[in-house]
């Protein structure tokens, strides 16, 4: 799962990035509104953390441009504690949630999980497919009830699959949502990652659709 953090204050941006990476997210950073508009318009993200007080192009303008361009990526806006007008404007402009500064990292993570779930049509923080279960709050993965350890990349891949059960996911889509910008993002890398995840899970869960991508069946259908 891949997040774009748009924040011009270096310390706050570094803190958010560190917290998200500890939670196994891939993170890209934009430090001004123009960079955010370009990145969000040309890359795929599972969510955007968007500060409203940005140089070059303010966050509210970025938000309005993204929604006008039919970019539906979930957006969590960051506002000043007393900026209730910003909150109202942001929500009306298409933001999915807001968080006032200063904030606790655990609340930011909880709100991100919620807007990502809603965008994917998921209602529970616990995602299941066959014998595999992922608790997105704790990042605990179990197979047949037994806990297992996954790398950050493996966890991101599994979480993305489970947020979109029943849908064939192309290699290019998986690359966009699992790897951050600048990393080794090619077909061979995603094939190797899928193979590694299959071996670790040890169950017949991820199906290959040759020429199209991969699929985890929707067990609720």
N, C-alpha and C. Protein backbone atom coordinates (compact mmCIF):
# COMPACT_ATOMS: atom_id res chain seq x y z
N UNK A 1 0.86 -1.18 0.00
CA UNK A 1 0.00 0.00 0.00
C UNK A 1 0.90 1.24 0.00
N UNK A 2 0.58 2.20 -0.86
CA UNK A 2 1.48 3.32 -1.13
C UNK A 2 0.80 4.64 -0.81
N UNK A 3 1.50 5.50 -0.06
CA UNK A 3 0.96 6.77 0.42
C UNK A 3 1.80 7.93 -0.09
N UNK A 4 1.14 9.01 -0.50
CA UNK A 4 1.82 10.26 -0.82
C UNK A 4 1.65 11.22 0.35
N UNK A 5 2.75 11.66 0.93
CA UNK A 5 2.72 12.63 2.03
C UNK A 5 3.08 14.00 1.47
N UNK A 6 2.18 14.96 1.62
CA UNK A 6 2.40 16.31 1.11
C UNK A 6 2.50 17.24 2.31
N UNK A 7 3.73 17.63 2.65
CA UNK A 7 3.98 18.42 3.86
C UNK A 7 5.29 19.19 3.66
N UNK A 8 5.24 20.51 3.87
CA UNK A 8 6.43 21.33 3.63
C UNK A 8 7.32 21.49 4.85
N UNK A 9 6.83 21.16 6.04
CA UNK A 9 7.64 21.24 7.25
C UNK A 9 8.48 19.97 7.36
N UNK A 10 9.82 20.08 7.23
CA UNK A 10 10.67 18.88 7.18
C UNK A 10 10.51 17.95 8.39
N UNK A 11 10.43 18.50 9.59
CA UNK A 11 10.33 17.64 10.77
C UNK A 11 9.03 16.86 10.79
N UNK A 12 7.92 17.53 10.48
CA UNK A 12 6.63 16.85 10.46
C UNK A 12 6.61 15.80 9.36
N UNK A 13 7.13 16.16 8.18
CA UNK A 13 7.16 15.20 7.06
C UNK A 13 7.99 13.97 7.42
N UNK A 14 9.14 14.19 8.07
CA UNK A 14 9.99 13.06 8.46
C UNK A 14 9.31 12.17 9.48
N UNK A 15 8.61 12.80 10.44
CA UNK A 15 7.89 12.02 11.46
C UNK A 15 6.78 11.18 10.84
N UNK A 16 6.01 11.80 9.93
CA UNK A 16 4.93 11.06 9.27
C UNK A 16 5.50 9.91 8.45
N UNK A 17 6.54 10.20 7.70
CA UNK A 17 7.14 9.16 6.85
C UNK A 17 7.63 7.98 7.69
N UNK A 18 8.30 8.29 8.80
CA UNK A 18 8.83 7.23 9.66
C UNK A 18 7.70 6.39 10.23
N UNK A 19 6.62 7.05 10.67
CA UNK A 19 5.48 6.31 11.22
C UNK A 19 4.80 5.43 10.20
N UNK A 20 4.66 5.93 8.98
CA UNK A 20 4.04 5.15 7.91
C UNK A 20 4.91 3.97 7.50
N UNK A 21 6.21 4.19 7.44
CA UNK A 21 7.10 3.09 7.05
C UNK A 21 7.13 2.01 8.13
N UNK A 22 7.04 2.41 9.40
CA UNK A 22 6.97 1.40 10.47
C UNK A 22 5.70 0.56 10.33
N UNK A 23 4.65 1.16 9.76
CA UNK A 23 3.39 0.44 9.54
C UNK A 23 3.37 -0.27 8.19
N UNK A 24 4.52 -0.37 7.55
CA UNK A 24 4.72 -1.14 6.31
C UNK A 24 4.13 -0.47 5.06
N UNK A 25 3.92 0.84 5.09
CA UNK A 25 3.49 1.53 3.88
C UNK A 25 4.72 1.94 3.06
N UNK A 26 4.55 1.96 1.74
CA UNK A 26 5.52 2.61 0.86
C UNK A 26 5.16 4.09 0.85
N UNK A 27 6.15 4.97 0.95
CA UNK A 27 5.87 6.40 1.14
C UNK A 27 6.64 7.23 0.12
N UNK A 28 5.94 8.12 -0.56
CA UNK A 28 6.55 9.16 -1.37
C UNK A 28 6.25 10.50 -0.71
N UNK A 29 7.13 11.50 -0.94
CA UNK A 29 6.96 12.80 -0.27
C UNK A 29 7.00 13.93 -1.30
N UNK A 30 6.07 14.85 -1.16
CA UNK A 30 6.08 16.10 -1.94
C UNK A 30 6.09 17.25 -0.95
N UNK A 31 6.94 18.25 -1.18
CA UNK A 31 7.10 19.33 -0.21
C UNK A 31 6.41 20.62 -0.62
N UNK A 32 5.74 20.62 -1.75
CA UNK A 32 4.97 21.81 -2.16
C UNK A 32 3.79 21.38 -3.01
N UNK A 33 2.86 22.31 -3.23
CA UNK A 33 1.62 21.99 -3.92
C UNK A 33 1.81 21.59 -5.38
N UNK A 34 2.75 22.23 -6.05
CA UNK A 34 2.97 21.90 -7.46
C UNK A 34 3.49 20.47 -7.62
N UNK A 35 4.43 20.09 -6.76
CA UNK A 35 4.94 18.71 -6.81
C UNK A 35 3.84 17.71 -6.48
N UNK A 36 3.00 18.07 -5.50
CA UNK A 36 1.90 17.18 -5.12
C UNK A 36 0.93 16.99 -6.27
N UNK A 37 0.57 18.06 -6.94
CA UNK A 37 -0.36 18.00 -8.07
C UNK A 37 0.22 17.12 -9.18
N UNK A 38 1.52 17.27 -9.46
CA UNK A 38 2.15 16.45 -10.51
C UNK A 38 2.19 14.98 -10.10
N UNK A 39 2.66 14.70 -8.87
CA UNK A 39 2.79 13.31 -8.44
C UNK A 39 1.43 12.61 -8.38
N UNK A 40 0.46 13.26 -7.76
CA UNK A 40 -0.86 12.64 -7.60
C UNK A 40 -1.58 12.47 -8.93
N UNK A 41 -1.21 13.29 -9.90
CA UNK A 41 -1.85 13.18 -11.21
C UNK A 41 -1.20 12.18 -12.14
N UNK A 42 0.03 11.75 -11.80
CA UNK A 42 0.76 10.85 -12.70
C UNK A 42 1.10 9.51 -12.07
N UNK A 43 0.95 9.38 -10.75
CA UNK A 43 1.25 8.13 -10.04
C UNK A 43 -0.02 7.62 -9.36
N UNK A 44 -0.01 6.34 -9.02
CA UNK A 44 -1.15 5.76 -8.32
C UNK A 44 -0.83 5.60 -6.84
N UNK A 45 -1.75 6.05 -5.98
CA UNK A 45 -1.57 5.95 -4.54
C UNK A 45 -2.83 5.36 -3.90
N UNK A 46 -2.63 4.74 -2.74
CA UNK A 46 -3.77 4.23 -1.99
C UNK A 46 -4.39 5.31 -1.12
N UNK A 47 -3.62 6.34 -0.79
CA UNK A 47 -4.14 7.49 -0.03
C UNK A 47 -3.13 8.62 -0.11
N UNK A 48 -3.61 9.83 0.16
CA UNK A 48 -2.76 11.02 0.19
C UNK A 48 -2.97 11.73 1.53
N UNK A 49 -1.87 12.05 2.20
CA UNK A 49 -1.91 12.90 3.39
C UNK A 49 -1.53 14.29 2.92
N UNK A 50 -2.46 15.24 3.01
CA UNK A 50 -2.30 16.54 2.35
C UNK A 50 -2.40 17.69 3.35
N UNK A 51 -1.28 18.37 3.58
CA UNK A 51 -1.30 19.59 4.38
C UNK A 51 -1.91 20.71 3.54
N UNK A 52 -2.68 21.57 4.18
CA UNK A 52 -3.33 22.64 3.41
C UNK A 52 -2.44 23.86 3.24
N UNK A 53 -1.54 24.10 4.19
CA UNK A 53 -0.68 25.29 4.12
C UNK A 53 0.62 24.99 3.39
N UNK A 54 0.57 24.99 2.05
CA UNK A 54 1.73 24.61 1.25
C UNK A 54 2.26 25.77 0.42
N UNK A 55 3.56 25.79 0.11
CA UNK A 55 4.08 26.79 -0.82
C UNK A 55 3.75 26.43 -2.26
N UNK A 56 3.87 27.44 -3.13
CA UNK A 56 3.67 27.33 -4.59
C UNK A 56 2.21 27.10 -4.97
N UNK A 57 1.54 26.16 -4.33
CA UNK A 57 0.12 25.89 -4.61
C UNK A 57 -0.48 25.36 -3.31
N UNK A 58 -1.50 26.04 -2.80
CA UNK A 58 -2.03 25.63 -1.50
C UNK A 58 -2.77 24.29 -1.61
N UNK A 59 -2.87 23.61 -0.47
CA UNK A 59 -3.43 22.27 -0.44
C UNK A 59 -4.86 22.20 -0.90
N UNK A 60 -5.66 23.22 -0.59
CA UNK A 60 -7.05 23.21 -1.00
C UNK A 60 -7.17 23.26 -2.53
N UNK A 61 -6.31 24.05 -3.17
CA UNK A 61 -6.31 24.11 -4.63
C UNK A 61 -5.89 22.77 -5.23
N UNK A 62 -4.88 22.12 -4.63
CA UNK A 62 -4.47 20.79 -5.08
C UNK A 62 -5.64 19.83 -4.99
N UNK A 63 -6.33 19.84 -3.85
CA UNK A 63 -7.47 18.96 -3.64
C UNK A 63 -8.56 19.19 -4.69
N UNK A 64 -8.90 20.44 -4.94
CA UNK A 64 -9.94 20.76 -5.91
C UNK A 64 -9.53 20.33 -7.32
N UNK A 65 -8.26 20.52 -7.67
CA UNK A 65 -7.79 20.11 -9.00
C UNK A 65 -7.86 18.59 -9.16
N UNK A 66 -7.47 17.86 -8.12
CA UNK A 66 -7.51 16.40 -8.21
C UNK A 66 -8.93 15.90 -8.40
N UNK A 67 -9.86 16.44 -7.63
CA UNK A 67 -11.25 15.98 -7.77
C UNK A 67 -11.84 16.42 -9.10
N UNK A 68 -11.47 17.60 -9.59
CA UNK A 68 -11.96 18.05 -10.90
C UNK A 68 -11.43 17.16 -12.01
N UNK A 69 -10.26 16.56 -11.79
CA UNK A 69 -9.67 15.66 -12.78
C UNK A 69 -10.14 14.22 -12.58
N UNK A 70 -11.14 14.02 -11.73
CA UNK A 70 -11.71 12.69 -11.45
C UNK A 70 -10.69 11.73 -10.84
N UNK A 71 -9.74 12.28 -10.10
CA UNK A 71 -8.79 11.44 -9.34
C UNK A 71 -9.42 11.21 -7.97
N UNK A 72 -9.79 9.97 -7.70
CA UNK A 72 -10.60 9.64 -6.52
C UNK A 72 -9.78 9.08 -5.36
N UNK A 73 -8.47 9.16 -5.43
CA UNK A 73 -7.61 8.67 -4.35
C UNK A 73 -8.08 9.24 -3.01
N UNK A 74 -8.24 8.41 -1.98
CA UNK A 74 -8.65 8.93 -0.67
C UNK A 74 -7.65 9.97 -0.15
N UNK A 75 -8.19 11.06 0.39
CA UNK A 75 -7.33 12.16 0.86
C UNK A 75 -7.65 12.50 2.30
N UNK A 76 -6.61 12.51 3.13
CA UNK A 76 -6.69 12.96 4.51
C UNK A 76 -5.99 14.31 4.60
N UNK A 77 -6.73 15.38 4.94
CA UNK A 77 -6.12 16.70 5.01
C UNK A 77 -5.65 16.99 6.43
N UNK A 78 -4.54 17.73 6.51
CA UNK A 78 -4.01 18.19 7.79
C UNK A 78 -4.30 19.68 7.92
N UNK A 79 -4.83 20.08 9.07
CA UNK A 79 -5.22 21.48 9.27
C UNK A 79 -4.68 21.97 10.60
N UNK A 80 -4.67 23.30 10.76
CA UNK A 80 -4.36 23.88 12.06
C UNK A 80 -5.50 23.55 13.02
N UNK A 81 -5.19 23.50 14.33
CA UNK A 81 -6.19 23.08 15.31
C UNK A 81 -7.43 23.97 15.26
N UNK A 82 -7.23 25.28 15.04
CA UNK A 82 -8.39 26.18 15.04
C UNK A 82 -8.91 26.47 13.63
N UNK A 83 -8.47 25.68 12.66
CA UNK A 83 -8.87 25.97 11.28
C UNK A 83 -10.14 25.27 10.86
N UNK A 84 -11.24 25.53 11.58
CA UNK A 84 -12.49 24.82 11.27
C UNK A 84 -13.00 25.16 9.88
N UNK A 85 -12.74 26.40 9.43
CA UNK A 85 -13.18 26.76 8.08
C UNK A 85 -12.43 25.93 7.04
N UNK A 86 -11.13 25.70 7.29
CA UNK A 86 -10.36 24.85 6.38
C UNK A 86 -10.93 23.44 6.34
N UNK A 87 -11.34 22.93 7.51
CA UNK A 87 -11.91 21.59 7.56
C UNK A 87 -13.18 21.51 6.72
N UNK A 88 -14.05 22.50 6.90
CA UNK A 88 -15.31 22.51 6.15
C UNK A 88 -15.04 22.62 4.65
N UNK A 89 -14.15 23.55 4.27
CA UNK A 89 -13.83 23.70 2.86
C UNK A 89 -13.22 22.43 2.28
N UNK A 90 -12.33 21.80 3.06
CA UNK A 90 -11.68 20.59 2.59
C UNK A 90 -12.66 19.46 2.37
N UNK A 91 -13.54 19.24 3.33
CA UNK A 91 -14.54 18.18 3.19
C UNK A 91 -15.46 18.46 2.01
N UNK A 92 -15.90 19.71 1.89
CA UNK A 92 -16.78 20.07 0.78
C UNK A 92 -16.08 19.94 -0.58
N UNK A 93 -14.75 20.10 -0.58
CA UNK A 93 -14.00 20.01 -1.83
C UNK A 93 -13.68 18.57 -2.22
N UNK A 94 -13.98 17.63 -1.32
CA UNK A 94 -13.77 16.23 -1.68
C UNK A 94 -12.81 15.45 -0.82
N UNK A 95 -12.33 16.05 0.28
CA UNK A 95 -11.46 15.29 1.19
C UNK A 95 -12.28 14.20 1.88
N UNK A 96 -11.62 13.12 2.23
CA UNK A 96 -12.31 12.00 2.87
C UNK A 96 -12.29 12.09 4.39
N UNK A 97 -11.33 12.82 4.94
CA UNK A 97 -11.25 13.00 6.39
C UNK A 97 -10.26 14.12 6.66
N UNK A 98 -10.18 14.56 7.91
CA UNK A 98 -9.21 15.58 8.28
C UNK A 98 -8.62 15.25 9.63
N UNK A 99 -7.45 15.86 9.90
CA UNK A 99 -6.78 15.67 11.17
C UNK A 99 -6.13 16.99 11.54
N UNK A 100 -6.37 17.45 12.78
CA UNK A 100 -5.83 18.73 13.22
C UNK A 100 -4.43 18.55 13.79
N UNK A 101 -3.55 19.50 13.50
CA UNK A 101 -2.22 19.51 14.09
C UNK A 101 -2.26 20.19 15.46
N UNK A 102 -1.45 19.74 16.41
CA UNK A 102 -0.61 18.54 16.39
C UNK A 102 -1.47 17.29 16.56
N UNK A 103 -0.95 16.15 16.17
CA UNK A 103 -1.74 14.92 16.21
C UNK A 103 -0.85 13.76 16.66
N UNK A 104 -1.49 12.69 17.07
CA UNK A 104 -0.78 11.47 17.42
C UNK A 104 -0.69 10.57 16.18
N UNK A 105 0.47 9.95 15.99
CA UNK A 105 0.66 9.11 14.81
C UNK A 105 -0.36 7.99 14.74
N UNK A 106 -0.72 7.41 15.88
CA UNK A 106 -1.69 6.31 15.87
C UNK A 106 -3.04 6.76 15.33
N UNK A 107 -3.43 8.02 15.60
CA UNK A 107 -4.70 8.50 15.06
C UNK A 107 -4.58 8.69 13.55
N UNK A 108 -3.46 9.22 13.08
CA UNK A 108 -3.28 9.37 11.64
C UNK A 108 -3.36 8.01 10.95
N UNK A 109 -2.70 7.00 11.53
CA UNK A 109 -2.72 5.66 10.94
C UNK A 109 -4.14 5.09 10.92
N UNK A 110 -4.88 5.29 12.02
CA UNK A 110 -6.25 4.77 12.09
C UNK A 110 -7.14 5.42 11.04
N UNK A 111 -7.00 6.73 10.87
CA UNK A 111 -7.82 7.43 9.88
C UNK A 111 -7.44 7.02 8.46
N UNK A 112 -6.15 6.80 8.22
CA UNK A 112 -5.73 6.32 6.90
C UNK A 112 -6.30 4.94 6.62
N UNK A 113 -6.20 4.05 7.60
CA UNK A 113 -6.75 2.70 7.40
C UNK A 113 -8.24 2.78 7.05
N UNK A 114 -8.96 3.67 7.73
CA UNK A 114 -10.40 3.78 7.52
C UNK A 114 -10.74 4.27 6.12
N UNK A 115 -10.04 5.32 5.64
CA UNK A 115 -10.39 5.85 4.32
C UNK A 115 -9.94 4.89 3.21
N UNK A 116 -8.86 4.14 3.44
CA UNK A 116 -8.43 3.15 2.45
C UNK A 116 -9.44 2.01 2.40
N UNK A 117 -9.91 1.57 3.57
CA UNK A 117 -10.93 0.51 3.60
C UNK A 117 -12.19 0.94 2.87
N UNK A 118 -12.66 2.14 3.18
CA UNK A 118 -13.91 2.62 2.55
C UNK A 118 -13.75 2.69 1.04
N UNK A 119 -12.61 3.19 0.56
CA UNK A 119 -12.39 3.31 -0.88
C UNK A 119 -12.39 1.94 -1.55
N UNK A 120 -11.95 0.91 -0.82
CA UNK A 120 -11.89 -0.44 -1.38
C UNK A 120 -13.18 -1.23 -1.12
N UNK A 121 -14.15 -0.60 -0.44
CA UNK A 121 -15.41 -1.29 -0.17
C UNK A 121 -15.30 -2.29 0.96
N UNK A 122 -14.30 -2.12 1.83
CA UNK A 122 -14.12 -3.01 2.96
C UNK A 122 -14.64 -2.34 4.24
N UNK A 123 -15.32 -3.11 5.08
CA UNK A 123 -15.89 -2.54 6.30
C UNK A 123 -15.12 -2.90 7.56
N UNK A 124 -14.33 -3.97 7.50
CA UNK A 124 -13.64 -4.45 8.70
C UNK A 124 -12.15 -4.19 8.62
N UNK A 125 -11.54 -3.97 9.79
CA UNK A 125 -10.09 -3.81 9.86
C UNK A 125 -9.38 -5.14 9.70
N UNK A 126 -10.11 -6.23 9.81
CA UNK A 126 -9.54 -7.57 9.65
C UNK A 126 -9.93 -8.10 8.27
N UNK A 127 -8.93 -8.39 7.45
CA UNK A 127 -9.16 -8.86 6.09
C UNK A 127 -8.89 -10.36 6.04
N UNK A 128 -9.76 -11.09 5.36
CA UNK A 128 -9.65 -12.55 5.32
C UNK A 128 -9.79 -13.07 3.89
N UNK A 129 -9.06 -14.13 3.62
CA UNK A 129 -9.22 -14.88 2.37
C UNK A 129 -8.80 -16.30 2.67
N UNK A 130 -9.75 -17.24 2.60
CA UNK A 130 -9.44 -18.62 2.96
C UNK A 130 -8.89 -18.69 4.37
N UNK A 131 -7.76 -19.39 4.55
CA UNK A 131 -7.18 -19.51 5.89
C UNK A 131 -6.29 -18.33 6.29
N UNK A 132 -6.17 -17.34 5.40
CA UNK A 132 -5.27 -16.20 5.66
C UNK A 132 -6.06 -15.04 6.25
N UNK A 133 -5.51 -14.45 7.31
CA UNK A 133 -6.15 -13.31 7.96
C UNK A 133 -5.11 -12.24 8.24
N UNK A 134 -5.46 -10.99 7.94
CA UNK A 134 -4.58 -9.86 8.20
C UNK A 134 -5.34 -8.85 9.06
N UNK A 135 -4.78 -8.53 10.23
CA UNK A 135 -5.33 -7.48 11.08
C UNK A 135 -4.58 -6.20 10.72
N UNK A 136 -5.25 -5.29 10.00
CA UNK A 136 -4.57 -4.10 9.51
C UNK A 136 -4.21 -3.13 10.63
N UNK A 137 -4.78 -3.30 11.81
CA UNK A 137 -4.44 -2.43 12.95
C UNK A 137 -3.09 -2.80 13.53
N UNK A 138 -2.81 -4.08 13.62
CA UNK A 138 -1.56 -4.54 14.23
C UNK A 138 -0.57 -5.07 13.20
N UNK A 139 -1.02 -5.21 11.94
CA UNK A 139 -0.23 -5.80 10.86
C UNK A 139 0.10 -7.26 11.13
N UNK A 140 -0.71 -7.91 11.96
CA UNK A 140 -0.49 -9.33 12.23
C UNK A 140 -1.09 -10.17 11.11
N UNK A 141 -0.31 -11.12 10.61
CA UNK A 141 -0.75 -12.03 9.55
C UNK A 141 -0.78 -13.43 10.14
N UNK A 142 -1.90 -14.11 9.95
CA UNK A 142 -2.01 -15.50 10.41
C UNK A 142 -2.49 -16.39 9.26
N UNK A 143 -2.03 -17.63 9.27
CA UNK A 143 -2.48 -18.65 8.32
C UNK A 143 -2.92 -19.85 9.15
N UNK A 144 -4.19 -20.23 9.01
CA UNK A 144 -4.77 -21.29 9.84
C UNK A 144 -4.57 -20.99 11.32
N UNK A 145 -4.62 -19.69 11.66
CA UNK A 145 -4.51 -19.28 13.06
C UNK A 145 -3.10 -19.12 13.58
N UNK A 146 -2.10 -19.48 12.80
CA UNK A 146 -0.70 -19.37 13.24
C UNK A 146 -0.08 -18.10 12.67
N UNK A 147 0.55 -17.32 13.54
CA UNK A 147 1.15 -16.05 13.12
C UNK A 147 2.38 -16.30 12.25
N UNK A 148 2.59 -15.40 11.30
CA UNK A 148 3.79 -15.50 10.48
C UNK A 148 4.36 -14.11 10.26
N UNK A 149 5.64 -14.08 9.94
CA UNK A 149 6.35 -12.82 9.74
C UNK A 149 6.57 -12.58 8.25
N UNK A 150 6.14 -11.40 7.80
CA UNK A 150 6.36 -11.00 6.42
C UNK A 150 7.23 -9.75 6.38
N UNK A 151 7.98 -9.59 5.32
CA UNK A 151 8.71 -8.33 5.11
C UNK A 151 7.71 -7.23 4.78
N UNK A 152 8.17 -5.98 4.81
CA UNK A 152 7.29 -4.86 4.47
C UNK A 152 6.72 -5.01 3.06
N UNK A 153 7.56 -5.40 2.10
CA UNK A 153 7.10 -5.58 0.72
C UNK A 153 6.05 -6.68 0.63
N UNK A 154 6.31 -7.79 1.30
CA UNK A 154 5.37 -8.91 1.27
C UNK A 154 4.05 -8.52 1.92
N UNK A 155 4.13 -7.78 3.02
CA UNK A 155 2.90 -7.34 3.69
C UNK A 155 2.10 -6.40 2.80
N UNK A 156 2.78 -5.45 2.16
CA UNK A 156 2.07 -4.52 1.27
C UNK A 156 1.36 -5.26 0.15
N UNK A 157 2.04 -6.23 -0.43
CA UNK A 157 1.45 -7.00 -1.52
C UNK A 157 0.22 -7.76 -1.04
N UNK A 158 0.34 -8.46 0.08
CA UNK A 158 -0.79 -9.22 0.60
C UNK A 158 -1.95 -8.29 0.97
N UNK A 159 -1.64 -7.17 1.63
CA UNK A 159 -2.70 -6.23 2.02
C UNK A 159 -3.42 -5.68 0.80
N UNK A 160 -2.67 -5.40 -0.28
CA UNK A 160 -3.32 -4.87 -1.47
C UNK A 160 -4.23 -5.92 -2.10
N UNK A 161 -3.76 -7.16 -2.16
CA UNK A 161 -4.60 -8.24 -2.65
C UNK A 161 -5.90 -8.34 -1.84
N UNK A 162 -5.78 -8.31 -0.52
CA UNK A 162 -6.95 -8.52 0.34
C UNK A 162 -7.89 -7.33 0.38
N UNK A 163 -7.39 -6.14 0.05
CA UNK A 163 -8.28 -4.99 -0.09
C UNK A 163 -9.09 -5.07 -1.38
N UNK A 164 -8.63 -5.89 -2.34
CA UNK A 164 -9.30 -5.97 -3.65
C UNK A 164 -9.54 -7.42 -4.05
N UNK A 165 -10.25 -8.19 -3.21
CA UNK A 165 -10.50 -9.60 -3.56
C UNK A 165 -11.43 -9.71 -4.76
N UNK A 166 -11.23 -10.76 -5.53
CA UNK A 166 -12.11 -11.00 -6.66
C UNK A 166 -11.79 -10.18 -7.88
N UNK A 167 -10.74 -9.37 -7.83
CA UNK A 167 -10.37 -8.53 -8.97
C UNK A 167 -8.99 -8.93 -9.47
N UNK A 168 -8.86 -9.11 -10.78
CA UNK A 168 -7.55 -9.42 -11.36
C UNK A 168 -6.70 -8.16 -11.30
N UNK A 169 -5.54 -8.28 -10.67
CA UNK A 169 -4.63 -7.15 -10.51
C UNK A 169 -3.44 -7.33 -11.44
N UNK A 170 -3.24 -6.38 -12.33
CA UNK A 170 -2.15 -6.48 -13.28
C UNK A 170 -0.81 -6.26 -12.58
N UNK A 171 0.25 -6.72 -13.23
CA UNK A 171 1.58 -6.51 -12.66
C UNK A 171 1.90 -5.03 -12.52
N UNK A 172 1.50 -4.23 -13.49
CA UNK A 172 1.79 -2.79 -13.43
C UNK A 172 1.04 -2.14 -12.26
N UNK A 173 -0.19 -2.57 -12.01
CA UNK A 173 -0.94 -2.02 -10.87
C UNK A 173 -0.28 -2.40 -9.56
N UNK A 174 0.14 -3.64 -9.44
CA UNK A 174 0.79 -4.09 -8.21
C UNK A 174 2.10 -3.33 -8.00
N UNK A 175 2.85 -3.11 -9.06
CA UNK A 175 4.09 -2.34 -8.95
C UNK A 175 3.81 -0.95 -8.42
N UNK A 176 2.77 -0.29 -8.93
CA UNK A 176 2.43 1.07 -8.52
C UNK A 176 2.06 1.15 -7.04
N UNK A 177 1.43 0.11 -6.52
CA UNK A 177 0.91 0.19 -5.16
C UNK A 177 1.78 -0.48 -4.10
N UNK A 178 2.83 -1.16 -4.54
CA UNK A 178 3.69 -1.86 -3.58
C UNK A 178 5.04 -1.18 -3.41
N UNK A 179 5.55 -0.59 -4.50
CA UNK A 179 6.88 0.01 -4.47
C UNK A 179 6.79 1.53 -4.44
N UNK A 180 7.69 2.16 -3.67
CA UNK A 180 7.75 3.61 -3.71
C UNK A 180 8.57 4.06 -4.90
N UNK A 181 8.48 5.33 -5.24
CA UNK A 181 9.19 5.86 -6.40
C UNK A 181 10.70 5.68 -6.23
N UNK A 182 11.36 5.34 -7.33
CA UNK A 182 12.80 5.21 -7.30
C UNK A 182 13.31 3.83 -6.95
N UNK A 183 12.43 2.93 -6.53
CA UNK A 183 12.87 1.58 -6.19
C UNK A 183 12.85 0.69 -7.44
N UNK A 184 13.23 -0.57 -7.26
CA UNK A 184 13.30 -1.51 -8.39
C UNK A 184 11.88 -1.92 -8.78
N UNK A 185 11.31 -1.19 -9.72
CA UNK A 185 9.90 -1.38 -10.06
C UNK A 185 9.79 -1.96 -11.46
N UNK A 186 9.91 -3.28 -11.58
CA UNK A 186 9.73 -3.90 -12.89
C UNK A 186 9.00 -5.22 -12.74
N UNK A 187 8.64 -5.81 -13.86
CA UNK A 187 7.84 -7.03 -13.88
C UNK A 187 8.56 -8.17 -13.17
N UNK A 188 9.87 -8.29 -13.39
CA UNK A 188 10.61 -9.38 -12.76
C UNK A 188 10.57 -9.27 -11.24
N UNK A 189 10.64 -8.05 -10.73
CA UNK A 189 10.61 -7.84 -9.28
C UNK A 189 9.26 -8.26 -8.70
N UNK A 190 8.17 -7.92 -9.38
CA UNK A 190 6.85 -8.26 -8.84
C UNK A 190 6.61 -9.76 -8.95
N UNK A 191 7.09 -10.40 -10.02
CA UNK A 191 6.95 -11.85 -10.15
C UNK A 191 7.68 -12.56 -9.02
N UNK A 192 8.89 -12.09 -8.71
CA UNK A 192 9.67 -12.70 -7.63
C UNK A 192 8.99 -12.48 -6.28
N UNK A 193 8.40 -11.29 -6.09
CA UNK A 193 7.73 -10.99 -4.83
C UNK A 193 6.49 -11.85 -4.66
N UNK A 194 5.70 -12.03 -5.71
CA UNK A 194 4.52 -12.90 -5.64
C UNK A 194 4.94 -14.33 -5.31
N UNK A 195 5.99 -14.81 -5.95
CA UNK A 195 6.47 -16.18 -5.69
C UNK A 195 6.92 -16.33 -4.24
N UNK A 196 7.60 -15.32 -3.72
CA UNK A 196 8.07 -15.38 -2.33
C UNK A 196 6.90 -15.38 -1.35
N UNK A 197 5.90 -14.56 -1.63
CA UNK A 197 4.72 -14.51 -0.76
C UNK A 197 3.97 -15.84 -0.78
N UNK A 198 3.83 -16.43 -1.96
CA UNK A 198 3.18 -17.74 -2.06
C UNK A 198 3.89 -18.78 -1.19
N UNK A 199 5.22 -18.80 -1.28
CA UNK A 199 5.98 -19.79 -0.50
C UNK A 199 5.79 -19.56 1.00
N UNK A 200 5.80 -18.31 1.42
CA UNK A 200 5.67 -18.04 2.85
C UNK A 200 4.28 -18.39 3.36
N UNK A 201 3.24 -18.07 2.60
CA UNK A 201 1.88 -18.37 3.04
C UNK A 201 1.65 -19.88 3.07
N UNK A 202 2.23 -20.58 2.11
CA UNK A 202 2.13 -22.03 2.09
C UNK A 202 0.75 -22.57 1.78
N UNK A 203 -0.12 -21.73 1.21
CA UNK A 203 -1.47 -22.16 0.83
C UNK A 203 -1.74 -21.72 -0.60
N UNK A 204 -2.66 -22.41 -1.25
CA UNK A 204 -3.00 -22.11 -2.63
C UNK A 204 -4.03 -20.99 -2.66
N UNK A 205 -3.55 -19.75 -2.61
CA UNK A 205 -4.44 -18.60 -2.47
C UNK A 205 -4.36 -17.65 -3.66
N UNK A 206 -3.15 -17.31 -4.09
CA UNK A 206 -2.97 -16.34 -5.17
C UNK A 206 -2.99 -17.07 -6.50
N UNK A 207 -3.98 -16.75 -7.32
CA UNK A 207 -4.12 -17.38 -8.64
C UNK A 207 -3.48 -16.51 -9.72
N UNK A 208 -2.93 -17.17 -10.73
CA UNK A 208 -2.35 -16.46 -11.87
C UNK A 208 -3.35 -16.45 -13.02
N UNK A 209 -3.56 -15.28 -13.59
CA UNK A 209 -4.35 -15.14 -14.81
C UNK A 209 -3.39 -14.75 -15.92
N UNK A 210 -2.94 -15.73 -16.67
CA UNK A 210 -1.87 -15.49 -17.63
C UNK A 210 -2.24 -14.39 -18.63
N UNK A 211 -1.31 -13.48 -18.79
CA UNK A 211 -1.53 -12.36 -19.67
C UNK A 211 -2.29 -11.21 -19.04
N UNK A 212 -2.78 -11.42 -17.82
CA UNK A 212 -3.58 -10.38 -17.17
C UNK A 212 -3.06 -9.99 -15.79
N UNK A 213 -2.63 -10.97 -14.98
CA UNK A 213 -2.13 -10.62 -13.66
C UNK A 213 -2.43 -11.69 -12.64
N UNK A 214 -2.79 -11.27 -11.44
CA UNK A 214 -3.02 -12.19 -10.33
C UNK A 214 -4.34 -11.88 -9.65
N UNK A 215 -4.84 -12.88 -8.92
CA UNK A 215 -6.17 -12.76 -8.31
C UNK A 215 -6.20 -13.55 -7.01
N UNK A 216 -6.79 -12.95 -5.97
CA UNK A 216 -7.22 -13.69 -4.79
C UNK A 216 -8.74 -13.73 -4.86
N UNK A 217 -9.36 -14.91 -4.95
CA UNK A 217 -10.81 -14.98 -5.08
C UNK A 217 -11.52 -14.33 -3.89
N UNK A 218 -12.69 -13.77 -4.17
CA UNK A 218 -13.52 -13.17 -3.13
C UNK A 218 -14.32 -14.27 -2.46
N UNK A 219 -13.97 -14.62 -1.24
CA UNK A 219 -14.63 -15.72 -0.54
C UNK A 219 -16.03 -15.37 -0.07
N UNK A 220 -16.42 -14.08 -0.17
CA UNK A 220 -17.76 -13.69 0.28
C UNK A 220 -18.80 -13.89 -0.82
N UNK A 221 -18.35 -14.20 -2.03
CA UNK A 221 -19.30 -14.37 -3.15
C UNK A 221 -19.73 -15.81 -3.29
